[in-house]
């Protein structure tokens, strides 16, 4: 093996790694090594993350941004409305503590099992389709007989009054 062959192999490995890291987001999400499960370097990743953080971080950010805005708006109010800032702050603290103490899922995802899709409602869906087709044909027949084939009566030539 010459030096140029080893450089060529190193370059091809680097290009494969670069392509693997910079693929389109839709391709990355379908790859279990990158989106959930094993990462590119073998680390475990949570599924459903955006930039490495879960949706709870975004929920907390929205809660505290809304709290800050409401506190600024209510601080300008007069009378008893000014003291509702305290209630808004404590509501945000309660929501934050609830989200932090009761996490929705584990840090590591459960192992992926093969999902077998079985249509258990096939007969019901077939009966529904059949009844809809029969109703459609009946309505089409009634439209034909009552609207398109409506009899046209001749007007009398002279009135008998």
N, C-alpha and C. Protein backbone atom coordinates (compact mmCIF):
# COMPACT_ATOMS: atom_id res chain seq x y z
N UNK A 1 0.85 -1.17 0.00
CA UNK A 1 0.00 0.00 0.00
C UNK A 1 0.89 1.24 0.00
N UNK A 2 0.67 2.10 -0.96
CA UNK A 2 1.50 3.30 -1.06
C UNK A 2 0.88 4.43 -0.26
N UNK A 3 1.62 5.52 -0.21
CA UNK A 3 1.17 6.70 0.54
C UNK A 3 -0.07 7.29 -0.13
N UNK A 4 -0.13 7.30 -1.44
CA UNK A 4 -1.28 7.89 -2.13
C UNK A 4 -2.55 7.06 -1.88
N UNK A 5 -2.38 5.70 -1.80
CA UNK A 5 -3.54 4.86 -1.50
C UNK A 5 -4.07 5.12 -0.10
N UNK A 6 -3.17 5.27 0.88
CA UNK A 6 -3.62 5.53 2.25
C UNK A 6 -4.28 6.91 2.34
N UNK A 7 -3.75 7.90 1.60
CA UNK A 7 -4.38 9.23 1.59
C UNK A 7 -5.76 9.16 0.95
N UNK A 8 -5.87 8.39 -0.13
CA UNK A 8 -7.15 8.25 -0.81
C UNK A 8 -8.18 7.60 0.11
N UNK A 9 -7.78 6.57 0.85
CA UNK A 9 -8.69 5.91 1.79
C UNK A 9 -9.08 6.85 2.93
N UNK A 10 -8.12 7.61 3.44
CA UNK A 10 -8.41 8.56 4.51
C UNK A 10 -9.37 9.64 4.01
N UNK A 11 -9.14 10.10 2.78
CA UNK A 11 -10.03 11.12 2.21
C UNK A 11 -11.44 10.58 2.02
N UNK A 12 -11.56 9.32 1.56
CA UNK A 12 -12.89 8.75 1.36
C UNK A 12 -13.60 8.53 2.70
N UNK A 13 -12.85 8.13 3.75
CA UNK A 13 -13.46 7.99 5.08
C UNK A 13 -13.95 9.34 5.58
N UNK A 14 -13.12 10.38 5.37
CA UNK A 14 -13.52 11.72 5.81
C UNK A 14 -14.77 12.20 5.07
N UNK A 15 -14.82 11.95 3.75
CA UNK A 15 -16.00 12.36 2.98
C UNK A 15 -17.24 11.60 3.41
N UNK A 16 -17.10 10.30 3.71
CA UNK A 16 -18.26 9.52 4.18
C UNK A 16 -18.76 10.06 5.51
N UNK A 17 -17.84 10.41 6.41
CA UNK A 17 -18.23 10.96 7.70
C UNK A 17 -18.88 12.33 7.52
N UNK A 18 -18.33 13.16 6.63
CA UNK A 18 -18.89 14.49 6.39
C UNK A 18 -20.29 14.37 5.81
N UNK A 19 -20.48 13.44 4.87
CA UNK A 19 -21.81 13.25 4.29
C UNK A 19 -22.78 12.76 5.35
N UNK A 20 -22.32 11.86 6.22
CA UNK A 20 -23.18 11.33 7.26
C UNK A 20 -23.60 12.42 8.25
N UNK A 21 -22.71 13.37 8.52
CA UNK A 21 -23.02 14.42 9.48
C UNK A 21 -23.83 15.55 8.87
N UNK A 22 -23.69 15.80 7.56
CA UNK A 22 -24.34 16.94 6.95
C UNK A 22 -25.46 16.55 6.00
N UNK A 23 -26.08 15.43 6.21
CA UNK A 23 -27.20 15.05 5.35
C UNK A 23 -28.39 15.91 5.67
N UNK A 24 -29.41 15.83 4.81
CA UNK A 24 -30.63 16.62 5.02
C UNK A 24 -31.30 16.18 6.32
N UNK A 25 -32.02 17.08 7.01
CA UNK A 25 -32.65 16.74 8.28
C UNK A 25 -33.62 15.57 8.17
N UNK A 26 -34.33 15.44 7.05
CA UNK A 26 -35.26 14.32 6.93
C UNK A 26 -34.52 12.99 6.89
N UNK A 27 -33.33 12.97 6.26
CA UNK A 27 -32.54 11.75 6.24
C UNK A 27 -31.98 11.44 7.62
N UNK A 28 -31.60 12.50 8.38
CA UNK A 28 -31.06 12.30 9.70
C UNK A 28 -32.09 11.73 10.65
N UNK A 29 -33.36 12.17 10.51
CA UNK A 29 -34.38 11.70 11.43
C UNK A 29 -34.72 10.24 11.18
N UNK A 30 -34.58 9.78 9.95
CA UNK A 30 -34.89 8.39 9.68
C UNK A 30 -33.74 7.47 10.06
N UNK A 31 -32.55 8.02 10.28
CA UNK A 31 -31.40 7.23 10.65
C UNK A 31 -31.38 7.06 12.17
N UNK A 32 -31.55 5.83 12.69
CA UNK A 32 -31.60 5.66 14.14
C UNK A 32 -30.28 5.95 14.82
N UNK A 33 -29.17 5.98 14.05
CA UNK A 33 -27.89 6.29 14.67
C UNK A 33 -27.79 7.76 15.02
N UNK A 34 -28.52 8.62 14.29
CA UNK A 34 -28.41 10.05 14.51
C UNK A 34 -29.58 10.57 15.33
N UNK A 35 -30.79 10.12 15.05
CA UNK A 35 -31.98 10.64 15.72
C UNK A 35 -32.50 9.58 16.68
N UNK A 36 -32.12 9.64 17.91
CA UNK A 36 -32.54 8.65 18.90
C UNK A 36 -31.70 7.40 18.79
N UNK A 37 -31.63 6.64 19.85
CA UNK A 37 -30.84 5.42 19.84
C UNK A 37 -29.37 5.76 19.89
N UNK A 38 -28.56 5.13 19.08
CA UNK A 38 -27.13 5.39 19.07
C UNK A 38 -26.84 6.61 18.23
N UNK A 39 -25.99 7.50 18.71
CA UNK A 39 -25.57 8.66 17.96
C UNK A 39 -24.47 8.30 16.99
N UNK A 40 -23.90 9.29 16.30
CA UNK A 40 -22.86 9.06 15.32
C UNK A 40 -21.61 8.49 15.99
N UNK A 41 -21.29 8.98 17.18
CA UNK A 41 -20.09 8.54 17.88
C UNK A 41 -20.41 7.46 18.91
N UNK A 42 -21.63 6.90 18.91
CA UNK A 42 -21.96 5.82 19.81
C UNK A 42 -22.66 6.26 21.08
N UNK A 43 -22.87 7.57 21.28
CA UNK A 43 -23.54 8.02 22.49
C UNK A 43 -25.04 7.84 22.37
N UNK A 44 -25.70 7.67 23.50
CA UNK A 44 -27.15 7.53 23.51
C UNK A 44 -27.78 8.91 23.39
N UNK A 45 -28.86 9.01 22.63
CA UNK A 45 -29.58 10.28 22.48
C UNK A 45 -31.05 10.06 22.76
N UNK A 46 -31.70 11.10 23.28
CA UNK A 46 -33.14 11.05 23.51
C UNK A 46 -33.85 11.29 22.19
N UNK A 47 -34.98 10.64 21.98
CA UNK A 47 -35.75 10.90 20.78
C UNK A 47 -36.61 12.14 21.00
N UNK A 48 -36.93 12.83 19.94
CA UNK A 48 -37.76 14.02 20.03
C UNK A 48 -37.02 15.23 20.54
N UNK A 49 -35.73 15.31 20.31
CA UNK A 49 -34.97 16.46 20.79
C UNK A 49 -34.76 17.45 19.65
N UNK A 50 -34.63 18.70 20.04
CA UNK A 50 -34.30 19.77 19.10
C UNK A 50 -33.06 20.45 19.63
N UNK A 51 -32.00 20.42 18.86
CA UNK A 51 -30.70 20.97 19.27
C UNK A 51 -30.21 20.36 20.57
N UNK A 52 -30.54 19.11 20.81
CA UNK A 52 -30.05 18.41 21.99
C UNK A 52 -30.89 18.58 23.25
N UNK A 53 -31.95 19.36 23.18
CA UNK A 53 -32.81 19.54 24.35
C UNK A 53 -34.22 19.10 24.00
N UNK A 54 -34.94 18.67 24.99
CA UNK A 54 -36.30 18.17 24.79
C UNK A 54 -37.33 19.28 24.76
N UNK A 55 -38.59 18.91 24.56
CA UNK A 55 -39.65 19.91 24.49
C UNK A 55 -39.92 20.60 25.82
N UNK A 56 -39.55 19.97 26.93
CA UNK A 56 -39.78 20.58 28.24
C UNK A 56 -39.02 21.88 28.41
N UNK A 57 -37.83 21.96 27.85
CA UNK A 57 -37.04 23.20 27.95
C UNK A 57 -37.75 24.33 27.21
N UNK A 58 -38.31 24.02 26.06
CA UNK A 58 -39.02 25.05 25.31
C UNK A 58 -40.31 25.46 26.02
N UNK A 59 -40.98 24.51 26.66
CA UNK A 59 -42.19 24.84 27.42
C UNK A 59 -41.84 25.76 28.59
N UNK A 60 -40.75 25.43 29.29
CA UNK A 60 -40.32 26.29 30.40
C UNK A 60 -39.93 27.69 29.91
N UNK A 61 -39.27 27.76 28.77
CA UNK A 61 -38.89 29.06 28.22
C UNK A 61 -40.13 29.89 27.88
N UNK A 62 -41.13 29.27 27.27
CA UNK A 62 -42.36 29.99 26.93
C UNK A 62 -43.08 30.44 28.19
N UNK A 63 -43.13 29.58 29.21
CA UNK A 63 -43.80 29.94 30.47
C UNK A 63 -43.13 31.14 31.09
N UNK A 64 -41.80 31.15 31.14
CA UNK A 64 -41.12 32.26 31.80
C UNK A 64 -41.10 33.53 30.94
N UNK A 65 -41.12 33.41 29.64
CA UNK A 65 -41.24 34.60 28.78
C UNK A 65 -42.61 35.24 28.96
N UNK A 66 -43.66 34.40 28.97
CA UNK A 66 -45.01 34.93 29.20
C UNK A 66 -45.13 35.53 30.59
N UNK A 67 -44.50 34.92 31.59
CA UNK A 67 -44.52 35.46 32.95
C UNK A 67 -43.85 36.82 32.98
N UNK A 68 -42.72 36.94 32.33
CA UNK A 68 -42.02 38.23 32.29
C UNK A 68 -42.86 39.30 31.61
N UNK A 69 -43.48 38.95 30.49
CA UNK A 69 -44.33 39.93 29.79
C UNK A 69 -45.53 40.34 30.63
N UNK A 70 -46.19 39.36 31.28
CA UNK A 70 -47.33 39.69 32.12
C UNK A 70 -46.92 40.53 33.33
N UNK A 71 -45.76 40.24 33.90
CA UNK A 71 -45.29 41.03 35.04
C UNK A 71 -45.00 42.47 34.62
N UNK A 72 -44.42 42.65 33.45
CA UNK A 72 -44.16 44.02 32.96
C UNK A 72 -45.46 44.75 32.70
N UNK A 73 -46.43 44.06 32.06
CA UNK A 73 -47.71 44.70 31.77
C UNK A 73 -48.49 45.01 33.04
N UNK A 74 -48.49 44.09 33.98
CA UNK A 74 -49.27 44.30 35.21
C UNK A 74 -48.59 45.27 36.16
N UNK A 75 -47.29 45.49 36.02
CA UNK A 75 -46.62 46.45 36.89
C UNK A 75 -47.04 47.88 36.54
N UNK A 76 -47.51 48.10 35.34
CA UNK A 76 -48.00 49.42 34.92
C UNK A 76 -49.44 49.67 35.34
N UNK A 77 -50.14 48.61 35.75
CA UNK A 77 -51.55 48.76 36.13
C UNK A 77 -51.67 49.48 37.47
N UNK A 78 -52.88 49.95 37.73
CA UNK A 78 -53.11 50.64 38.99
C UNK A 78 -54.09 49.85 39.84
N UNK A 79 -54.05 50.08 41.13
CA UNK A 79 -54.99 49.43 42.03
C UNK A 79 -54.57 48.00 42.36
N UNK A 80 -55.60 47.14 42.52
CA UNK A 80 -55.35 45.75 42.91
C UNK A 80 -54.74 44.91 41.78
N UNK A 81 -54.87 45.36 40.54
CA UNK A 81 -54.32 44.61 39.41
C UNK A 81 -52.80 44.56 39.48
N UNK A 82 -52.19 45.55 40.14
CA UNK A 82 -50.74 45.58 40.28
C UNK A 82 -50.25 44.41 41.13
N UNK A 83 -51.05 43.99 42.10
CA UNK A 83 -50.63 42.90 42.99
C UNK A 83 -50.82 41.52 42.37
N UNK A 84 -51.45 41.45 41.21
CA UNK A 84 -51.61 40.15 40.55
C UNK A 84 -50.29 39.66 39.95
N UNK A 85 -49.26 40.52 39.93
CA UNK A 85 -47.94 40.12 39.50
C UNK A 85 -47.43 38.98 40.38
N UNK A 86 -47.74 39.05 41.67
CA UNK A 86 -47.32 38.01 42.60
C UNK A 86 -47.96 36.68 42.24
N UNK A 87 -49.25 36.70 41.90
CA UNK A 87 -49.94 35.47 41.52
C UNK A 87 -49.38 34.88 40.23
N UNK A 88 -49.08 35.74 39.27
CA UNK A 88 -48.51 35.27 38.00
C UNK A 88 -47.15 34.63 38.25
N UNK A 89 -46.34 35.26 39.09
CA UNK A 89 -45.01 34.71 39.39
C UNK A 89 -45.12 33.35 40.09
N UNK A 90 -45.99 33.24 41.08
CA UNK A 90 -46.15 31.97 41.78
C UNK A 90 -46.74 30.89 40.88
N UNK A 91 -47.62 31.26 39.95
CA UNK A 91 -48.16 30.28 39.00
C UNK A 91 -47.03 29.74 38.11
N UNK A 92 -46.12 30.62 37.67
CA UNK A 92 -44.99 30.18 36.85
C UNK A 92 -44.07 29.28 37.66
N UNK A 93 -43.86 29.60 38.93
CA UNK A 93 -43.01 28.76 39.78
C UNK A 93 -43.65 27.38 39.96
N UNK A 94 -44.96 27.32 40.17
CA UNK A 94 -45.66 26.05 40.35
C UNK A 94 -45.58 25.21 39.08
N UNK A 95 -45.77 25.84 37.90
CA UNK A 95 -45.67 25.12 36.63
C UNK A 95 -44.26 24.59 36.43
N UNK A 96 -43.25 25.40 36.76
CA UNK A 96 -41.86 24.99 36.60
C UNK A 96 -41.53 23.82 37.51
N UNK A 97 -41.93 23.91 38.77
CA UNK A 97 -41.64 22.83 39.72
C UNK A 97 -42.35 21.55 39.29
N UNK A 98 -43.59 21.67 38.81
CA UNK A 98 -44.33 20.49 38.35
C UNK A 98 -43.63 19.84 37.17
N UNK A 99 -43.19 20.63 36.20
CA UNK A 99 -42.51 20.06 35.03
C UNK A 99 -41.15 19.46 35.38
N UNK A 100 -40.49 20.02 36.37
CA UNK A 100 -39.18 19.48 36.75
C UNK A 100 -39.29 18.22 37.60
N UNK A 101 -40.31 18.14 38.46
CA UNK A 101 -40.42 16.99 39.36
C UNK A 101 -41.13 15.80 38.74
N UNK A 102 -41.95 16.02 37.73
CA UNK A 102 -42.68 14.92 37.09
C UNK A 102 -42.29 14.84 35.63
N UNK A 103 -41.12 14.27 35.30
CA UNK A 103 -40.72 14.18 33.89
C UNK A 103 -41.62 13.21 33.14
N UNK A 104 -41.78 13.47 31.87
CA UNK A 104 -42.67 12.66 31.04
C UNK A 104 -42.07 11.33 30.63
N UNK A 105 -40.80 11.27 30.41
CA UNK A 105 -40.19 10.04 29.93
C UNK A 105 -38.81 9.86 30.52
N UNK A 106 -38.21 8.73 30.24
CA UNK A 106 -36.87 8.46 30.74
C UNK A 106 -35.83 9.13 29.86
N UNK A 107 -34.62 9.20 30.36
CA UNK A 107 -33.56 9.84 29.60
C UNK A 107 -33.16 9.00 28.39
N UNK A 108 -33.16 7.69 28.57
CA UNK A 108 -32.80 6.81 27.48
C UNK A 108 -34.05 6.17 26.90
N UNK A 109 -34.18 6.12 25.59
CA UNK A 109 -35.39 5.56 24.98
C UNK A 109 -35.46 4.05 25.15
N UNK A 110 -36.66 3.54 25.09
CA UNK A 110 -36.87 2.09 25.15
C UNK A 110 -36.39 1.47 23.85
N UNK A 111 -35.96 0.22 23.89
CA UNK A 111 -35.51 -0.42 22.65
C UNK A 111 -36.65 -0.52 21.64
N UNK A 112 -36.31 -0.30 20.40
CA UNK A 112 -37.30 -0.29 19.33
C UNK A 112 -37.67 -1.72 18.97
N UNK A 113 -38.96 -2.00 19.00
CA UNK A 113 -39.44 -3.31 18.57
C UNK A 113 -40.13 -3.16 17.23
N UNK A 114 -40.16 -4.23 16.48
CA UNK A 114 -40.78 -4.18 15.16
C UNK A 114 -42.29 -4.06 15.32
N UNK A 115 -42.87 -3.09 14.64
CA UNK A 115 -44.30 -2.84 14.72
C UNK A 115 -44.97 -3.53 13.54
N UNK A 116 -45.94 -4.37 13.85
CA UNK A 116 -46.68 -5.05 12.81
C UNK A 116 -48.07 -4.42 12.74
N UNK A 117 -48.41 -3.83 11.61
CA UNK A 117 -49.68 -3.14 11.45
C UNK A 117 -50.72 -4.15 11.01
N UNK A 118 -51.80 -4.25 11.81
CA UNK A 118 -52.89 -5.17 11.50
C UNK A 118 -54.17 -4.35 11.45
N UNK A 119 -54.91 -4.50 10.37
CA UNK A 119 -56.17 -3.79 10.22
C UNK A 119 -57.28 -4.64 10.83
N UNK A 120 -57.65 -4.32 12.08
CA UNK A 120 -58.68 -5.11 12.76
C UNK A 120 -60.08 -4.66 12.40
N UNK A 121 -60.23 -3.49 11.79
CA UNK A 121 -61.55 -2.96 11.48
C UNK A 121 -61.83 -3.06 9.99
N UNK A 122 -61.26 -4.04 9.31
CA UNK A 122 -61.41 -4.16 7.87
C UNK A 122 -62.85 -4.41 7.46
N UNK A 123 -63.55 -5.30 8.13
CA UNK A 123 -64.92 -5.63 7.75
C UNK A 123 -65.83 -4.43 7.98
N UNK A 124 -65.68 -3.76 9.10
CA UNK A 124 -66.49 -2.56 9.37
C UNK A 124 -66.24 -1.46 8.35
N UNK A 125 -64.97 -1.28 7.99
CA UNK A 125 -64.64 -0.27 6.99
C UNK A 125 -65.20 -0.65 5.62
N UNK A 126 -65.19 -1.92 5.29
CA UNK A 126 -65.73 -2.39 4.03
C UNK A 126 -67.25 -2.20 3.99
N UNK A 127 -67.95 -2.49 5.09
CA UNK A 127 -69.40 -2.29 5.16
C UNK A 127 -69.73 -0.81 5.05
N UNK A 128 -68.95 0.04 5.70
CA UNK A 128 -69.17 1.48 5.60
C UNK A 128 -68.98 1.97 4.17
N UNK A 129 -67.95 1.50 3.51
CA UNK A 129 -67.71 1.88 2.11
C UNK A 129 -68.84 1.40 1.21
N UNK A 130 -69.31 0.19 1.44
CA UNK A 130 -70.41 -0.35 0.65
C UNK A 130 -71.69 0.45 0.85
N UNK A 131 -71.99 0.81 2.10
CA UNK A 131 -73.21 1.59 2.36
C UNK A 131 -73.10 2.98 1.76
N UNK A 132 -71.92 3.59 1.83
CA UNK A 132 -71.75 4.91 1.22
C UNK A 132 -71.90 4.85 -0.29
N UNK A 133 -71.42 3.80 -0.91
CA UNK A 133 -71.58 3.64 -2.36
C UNK A 133 -73.05 3.46 -2.73
N UNK A 134 -73.79 2.68 -1.94
CA UNK A 134 -75.21 2.48 -2.21
C UNK A 134 -76.00 3.77 -2.04
N UNK A 135 -75.70 4.54 -1.00
CA UNK A 135 -76.38 5.83 -0.79
C UNK A 135 -76.06 6.78 -1.94
N UNK A 136 -74.79 6.80 -2.38
CA UNK A 136 -74.42 7.66 -3.50
C UNK A 136 -75.17 7.28 -4.77
N UNK A 137 -75.26 6.00 -5.07
CA UNK A 137 -75.99 5.56 -6.27
C UNK A 137 -77.48 5.87 -6.14
N UNK A 138 -78.06 5.71 -4.96
CA UNK A 138 -79.47 6.06 -4.76
C UNK A 138 -79.71 7.54 -4.96
N UNK A 139 -78.82 8.38 -4.43
CA UNK A 139 -78.97 9.83 -4.61
C UNK A 139 -78.80 10.21 -6.08
N UNK A 140 -77.88 9.56 -6.76
CA UNK A 140 -77.70 9.83 -8.18
C UNK A 140 -78.95 9.46 -8.97
N UNK A 141 -79.59 8.34 -8.64
CA UNK A 141 -80.82 7.93 -9.29
C UNK A 141 -81.95 8.92 -9.01
N UNK A 142 -82.07 9.36 -7.75
CA UNK A 142 -83.12 10.34 -7.41
C UNK A 142 -82.88 11.67 -8.09
N UNK A 143 -81.63 12.09 -8.23
CA UNK A 143 -81.32 13.31 -8.95
C UNK A 143 -81.73 13.19 -10.41
N UNK A 144 -81.45 12.04 -10.99
CA UNK A 144 -81.82 11.82 -12.38
C UNK A 144 -83.33 11.86 -12.57
N UNK A 145 -84.08 11.20 -11.71
CA UNK A 145 -85.53 11.11 -11.91
C UNK A 145 -86.26 12.38 -11.54
N UNK A 146 -85.85 13.08 -10.51
CA UNK A 146 -86.60 14.26 -10.05
C UNK A 146 -86.10 15.59 -10.59
N UNK A 147 -84.87 15.66 -11.00
CA UNK A 147 -84.35 16.95 -11.44
C UNK A 147 -84.11 16.99 -12.96
N UNK A 148 -83.46 15.97 -13.48
CA UNK A 148 -83.11 16.01 -14.89
C UNK A 148 -84.25 15.53 -15.79
N UNK A 149 -85.06 14.59 -15.34
CA UNK A 149 -86.15 14.06 -16.15
C UNK A 149 -87.51 14.60 -15.70
N UNK A 150 -87.52 15.83 -15.26
CA UNK A 150 -88.76 16.43 -14.80
C UNK A 150 -89.69 16.62 -16.00
N UNK A 151 -90.95 16.24 -15.85
CA UNK A 151 -91.86 16.37 -17.01
C UNK A 151 -92.16 17.84 -17.32
N UNK A 152 -92.26 18.12 -18.58
CA UNK A 152 -92.61 19.46 -19.04
C UNK A 152 -94.01 19.37 -19.62
N UNK A 153 -94.95 20.05 -18.99
CA UNK A 153 -96.36 20.01 -19.45
C UNK A 153 -96.60 21.11 -20.46
N UNK A 154 -97.44 20.80 -21.46
CA UNK A 154 -97.77 21.75 -22.50
C UNK A 154 -98.74 22.78 -21.95
N UNK A 155 -98.58 24.01 -22.38
CA UNK A 155 -99.49 25.08 -21.97
C UNK A 155 -100.73 25.02 -22.86
N UNK A 156 -101.89 25.24 -22.26
CA UNK A 156 -103.10 25.25 -23.13
C UNK A 156 -103.07 26.42 -24.09
N UNK A 157 -103.61 26.18 -25.29
CA UNK A 157 -103.62 27.23 -26.30
C UNK A 157 -104.59 28.34 -25.94
N UNK A 158 -105.77 27.96 -25.45
CA UNK A 158 -106.75 28.96 -25.04
C UNK A 158 -107.19 28.64 -23.62
N UNK A 159 -107.39 29.68 -22.90
CA UNK A 159 -107.88 29.46 -21.54
C UNK A 159 -109.41 29.37 -21.60
N UNK A 160 -109.98 28.53 -20.81
CA UNK A 160 -111.44 28.31 -20.85
C UNK A 160 -112.12 29.08 -19.73
N UNK A 161 -112.04 30.36 -19.72
CA UNK A 161 -112.75 31.18 -18.74
C UNK A 161 -113.85 31.97 -19.33
